[in-house]
Amino acid sequence: MNADGMTKINFTNKKFKLLENSKNGEADSKTVFEYAQKEDVVTANYQGGAIRTGNIIARLEGHQLYMVYQCLTMNNELKSGKATADITFTEDNKMKLLLHWEWLKTPGHSGKSEYIEI
């Protein structure tokens, strides 16, 4: 914990999996996200399930991530989007991310996703 009693957030070497996704999301239970962090810059690579490969770049502000992401699906479709993630912690101190996201190519196609550290 840091001086204000809040849990210090560090994404370095953290992996996440999907708990829940909106129907128009691409990630599924087989998609694994591998994160890194340097200061307030958070990055991730992901793959598995419907995703051949993808990456994220984000800015950490307090307990939120402001991110953009892109992926290549198993159907060879390139997709990109933006999201805001609220960061919380479970009782056993695992990070959870609640994303409010939107595809960039099709504005209005948005949803929510929830991920947990594995």
C-alpha atoms as a PDB file:
ATOM      1  CA  MET A   1       0.000   0.000   0.000  1.00  0.00           C
ATOM      2  CA  ASN A   2       1.092   3.552  -0.541  1.00  0.00           C
ATOM      3  CA  ALA A   3       0.913   6.527   1.862  1.00  0.00           C
ATOM      4  CA  ASP A   4      -2.800   7.201   1.288  1.00  0.00           C
ATOM      5  CA  GLY A   5      -3.753   3.609   2.185  1.00  0.00           C
ATOM      6  CA  MET A   6      -4.537   2.658  -1.424  1.00  0.00           C
ATOM      7  CA  THR A   7      -3.106  -0.506  -2.939  1.00  0.00           C
ATOM      8  CA  LYS A   8      -0.176   0.331  -5.229  1.00  0.00           C
ATOM      9  CA  ILE A   9      -0.952  -0.664  -8.798  1.00  0.00           C
ATOM     10  CA  ASN A  10       1.711  -2.474 -10.790  1.00  0.00           C
ATOM     11  CA  PHE A  11       0.897  -4.350 -14.002  1.00  0.00           C
ATOM     12  CA  THR A  12       4.436  -5.663 -14.571  1.00  0.00           C
ATOM     13  CA  ASN A  13       4.355  -9.400 -15.415  1.00  0.00           C
ATOM     14  CA  LYS A  14       0.621  -9.658 -14.669  1.00  0.00           C
ATOM     15  CA  LYS A  15      -1.657 -11.912 -16.715  1.00  0.00           C
ATOM     16  CA  PHE A  16      -5.417 -11.539 -17.010  1.00  0.00           C
ATOM     17  CA  LYS A  17      -8.309 -13.618 -18.327  1.00  0.00           C
ATOM     18  CA  LEU A  18     -11.882 -12.738 -19.200  1.00  0.00           C
ATOM     19  CA  LEU A  19     -14.667 -13.153 -16.647  1.00  0.00           C
ATOM     20  CA  GLU A  20     -17.485 -11.594 -18.681  1.00  0.00           C
ATOM     21  CA  ASN A  21     -17.901  -9.807 -22.018  1.00  0.00           C
ATOM     22  CA  SER A  22     -20.659  -8.095 -23.980  1.00  0.00           C
ATOM     23  CA  LYS A  23     -21.947 -10.070 -26.959  1.00  0.00           C
ATOM     24  CA  ASN A  24     -20.167  -7.830 -29.501  1.00  0.00           C
ATOM     25  CA  GLY A  25     -16.753  -8.198 -27.814  1.00  0.00           C
ATOM     26  CA  GLU A  26     -14.000 -10.331 -29.371  1.00  0.00           C
ATOM     27  CA  ALA A  27     -12.098 -11.618 -26.313  1.00  0.00           C
ATOM     28  CA  ASP A  28     -13.263 -14.927 -24.849  1.00  0.00           C
ATOM     29  CA  SER A  29     -12.307 -17.335 -22.051  1.00  0.00           C
ATOM     30  CA  LYS A  30      -9.267 -18.553 -24.041  1.00  0.00           C
ATOM     31  CA  THR A  31      -7.794 -15.062 -24.521  1.00  0.00           C
ATOM     32  CA  VAL A  32      -4.820 -14.296 -22.232  1.00  0.00           C
ATOM     33  CA  PHE A  33      -3.519 -10.759 -21.675  1.00  0.00           C
ATOM     34  CA  GLU A  34       0.119 -10.244 -20.589  1.00  0.00           C
ATOM     35  CA  TYR A  35       0.823  -6.787 -19.142  1.00  0.00           C
ATOM     36  CA  ALA A  36       3.883  -4.614 -18.499  1.00  0.00           C
ATOM     37  CA  GLN A  37       4.264  -1.186 -16.909  1.00  0.00           C
ATOM     38  CA  LYS A  38       6.815   1.611 -16.876  1.00  0.00           C
ATOM     39  CA  GLU A  39       5.775   4.536 -14.679  1.00  0.00           C
ATOM     40  CA  ASP A  40       2.237   5.489 -15.802  1.00  0.00           C
ATOM     41  CA  VAL A  41       2.454   3.687 -19.176  1.00  0.00           C
ATOM     42  CA  VAL A  42       0.825   0.258 -19.267  1.00  0.00           C
ATOM     43  CA  THR A  43       1.095  -2.083 -22.261  1.00  0.00           C
ATOM     44  CA  ALA A  44      -0.190  -5.565 -23.007  1.00  0.00           C
ATOM     45  CA  ASN A  45      -0.083  -8.256 -25.646  1.00  0.00           C
ATOM     46  CA  TYR A  46      -2.917 -10.726 -25.968  1.00  0.00           C
ATOM     47  CA  GLN A  47      -3.923 -13.793 -27.930  1.00  0.00           C
ATOM     48  CA  GLY A  48      -6.023 -16.922 -27.751  1.00  0.00           C
ATOM     49  CA  GLY A  49      -9.539 -17.961 -28.630  1.00  0.00           C
ATOM     50  CA  ALA A  50     -10.971 -15.635 -31.293  1.00  0.00           C
ATOM     51  CA  ILE A  51      -7.850 -13.420 -31.192  1.00  0.00           C
ATOM     52  CA  ARG A  52      -4.753 -14.248 -33.259  1.00  0.00           C
ATOM     53  CA  THR A  53      -2.815 -11.351 -31.784  1.00  0.00           C
ATOM     54  CA  GLY A  54      -3.517  -8.004 -30.166  1.00  0.00           C
ATOM     55  CA  ASN A  55      -1.959  -5.229 -28.137  1.00  0.00           C
ATOM     56  CA  ILE A  56      -2.899  -2.452 -25.743  1.00  0.00           C
ATOM     57  CA  ILE A  57      -1.297   0.846 -24.797  1.00  0.00           C
ATOM     58  CA  ALA A  58      -2.711   2.684 -21.818  1.00  0.00           C
ATOM     59  CA  ARG A  59      -2.153   5.534 -19.402  1.00  0.00           C
ATOM     60  CA  LEU A  60      -2.624   4.809 -15.699  1.00  0.00           C
ATOM     61  CA  GLU A  61      -4.300   7.551 -13.648  1.00  0.00           C
ATOM     62  CA  GLY A  62      -5.137   6.579 -10.091  1.00  0.00           C
ATOM     63  CA  HIS A  63      -7.333   3.493 -10.265  1.00  0.00           C
ATOM     64  CA  GLN A  64      -8.205   3.878 -13.949  1.00  0.00           C
ATOM     65  CA  LEU A  65      -6.596   2.926 -17.245  1.00  0.00           C
ATOM     66  CA  TYR A  66      -7.284   4.949 -20.382  1.00  0.00           C
ATOM     67  CA  MET A  67      -6.479   2.622 -23.271  1.00  0.00           C
ATOM     68  CA  VAL A  68      -6.495   2.012 -26.966  1.00  0.00           C
ATOM     69  CA  TYR A  69      -6.270  -1.503 -28.350  1.00  0.00           C
ATOM     70  CA  GLN A  70      -6.029  -3.325 -31.631  1.00  0.00           C
ATOM     71  CA  CYS A  71      -6.273  -6.938 -32.664  1.00  0.00           C
ATOM     72  CA  LEU A  72      -6.280  -9.350 -35.556  1.00  0.00           C
ATOM     73  CA  THR A  73      -9.033 -11.944 -35.177  1.00  0.00           C
ATOM     74  CA  MET A  74      -8.974 -15.585 -36.268  1.00  0.00           C
ATOM     75  CA  ASN A  75     -11.175 -14.425 -39.180  1.00  0.00           C
ATOM     76  CA  ASN A  76      -8.326 -12.096 -40.311  1.00  0.00           C
ATOM     77  CA  GLU A  77     -10.322  -9.018 -39.342  1.00  0.00           C
ATOM     78  CA  LEU A  78      -8.358  -6.014 -38.034  1.00  0.00           C
ATOM     79  CA  LYS A  79     -10.197  -4.250 -35.215  1.00  0.00           C
ATOM     80  CA  SER A  80      -9.362  -1.355 -32.915  1.00  0.00           C
ATOM     81  CA  GLY A  81     -11.034   0.393 -30.048  1.00  0.00           C
ATOM     82  CA  LYS A  82     -10.752   2.514 -26.951  1.00  0.00           C
ATOM     83  CA  ALA A  83     -11.659   1.824 -23.348  1.00  0.00           C
ATOM     84  CA  THR A  84     -11.615   3.066 -19.804  1.00  0.00           C
ATOM     85  CA  ALA A  85     -10.865   0.428 -17.189  1.00  0.00           C
ATOM     86  CA  ASP A  86     -11.767   0.728 -13.521  1.00  0.00           C
ATOM     87  CA  ILE A  87      -9.236  -1.141 -11.367  1.00  0.00           C
ATOM     88  CA  THR A  88     -10.327  -2.908  -8.189  1.00  0.00           C
ATOM     89  CA  PHE A  89      -8.896  -5.687  -6.031  1.00  0.00           C
ATOM     90  CA  THR A  90     -10.367  -8.964  -4.790  1.00  0.00           C
ATOM     91  CA  GLU A  91     -10.135 -10.074  -1.150  1.00  0.00           C
ATOM     92  CA  ASP A  92      -6.996 -12.074  -2.039  1.00  0.00           C
ATOM     93  CA  ASN A  93      -5.433  -8.945  -3.628  1.00  0.00           C
ATOM     94  CA  LYS A  94      -5.891  -9.970  -7.274  1.00  0.00           C
ATOM     95  CA  MET A  95      -6.577  -7.118  -9.691  1.00  0.00           C
ATOM     96  CA  LYS A  96      -9.897  -6.893 -11.508  1.00  0.00           C
ATOM     97  CA  LEU A  97     -10.516  -4.682 -14.525  1.00  0.00           C
ATOM     98  CA  LEU A  98     -13.963  -3.473 -15.547  1.00  0.00           C
ATOM     99  CA  LEU A  99     -13.715  -2.070 -19.067  1.00  0.00           C
ATOM    100  CA  HIS A 100     -16.182   0.255 -20.753  1.00  0.00           C
ATOM    101  CA  TRP A 101     -15.148  -0.031 -24.399  1.00  0.00           C
ATOM    102  CA  GLU A 102     -16.092   1.031 -27.908  1.00  0.00           C
ATOM    103  CA  TRP A 103     -14.944  -0.106 -31.349  1.00  0.00           C
ATOM    104  CA  LEU A 104     -13.452   2.809 -33.332  1.00  0.00           C
ATOM    105  CA  LYS A 105     -14.578   1.691 -36.802  1.00  0.00           C
ATOM    106  CA  THR A 106     -18.198   1.281 -35.747  1.00  0.00           C
ATOM    107  CA  PRO A 107     -19.079   4.027 -33.238  1.00  0.00           C
ATOM    108  CA  GLY A 108     -21.914   3.024 -30.972  1.00  0.00           C
ATOM    109  CA  HIS A 109     -20.797  -0.592 -30.924  1.00  0.00           C
ATOM    110  CA  SER A 110     -19.742  -0.640 -27.323  1.00  0.00           C
ATOM    111  CA  GLY A 111     -19.867  -2.842 -24.284  1.00  0.00           C
ATOM    112  CA  LYS A 112     -18.441  -3.897 -20.969  1.00  0.00           C
ATOM    113  CA  SER A 113     -15.860  -6.535 -20.156  1.00  0.00           C
ATOM    114  CA  GLU A 114     -14.545  -7.799 -16.854  1.00  0.00           C
ATOM    115  CA  TYR A 115     -11.097  -9.366 -16.409  1.00  0.00           C
ATOM    116  CA  ILE A 116      -9.252 -10.905 -13.467  1.00  0.00           C
ATOM    117  CA  GLU A 117      -5.582 -11.387 -12.753  1.00  0.00           C
ATOM    118  CA  ILE A 118      -4.438 -15.013 -13.045  1.00  0.00           C
END
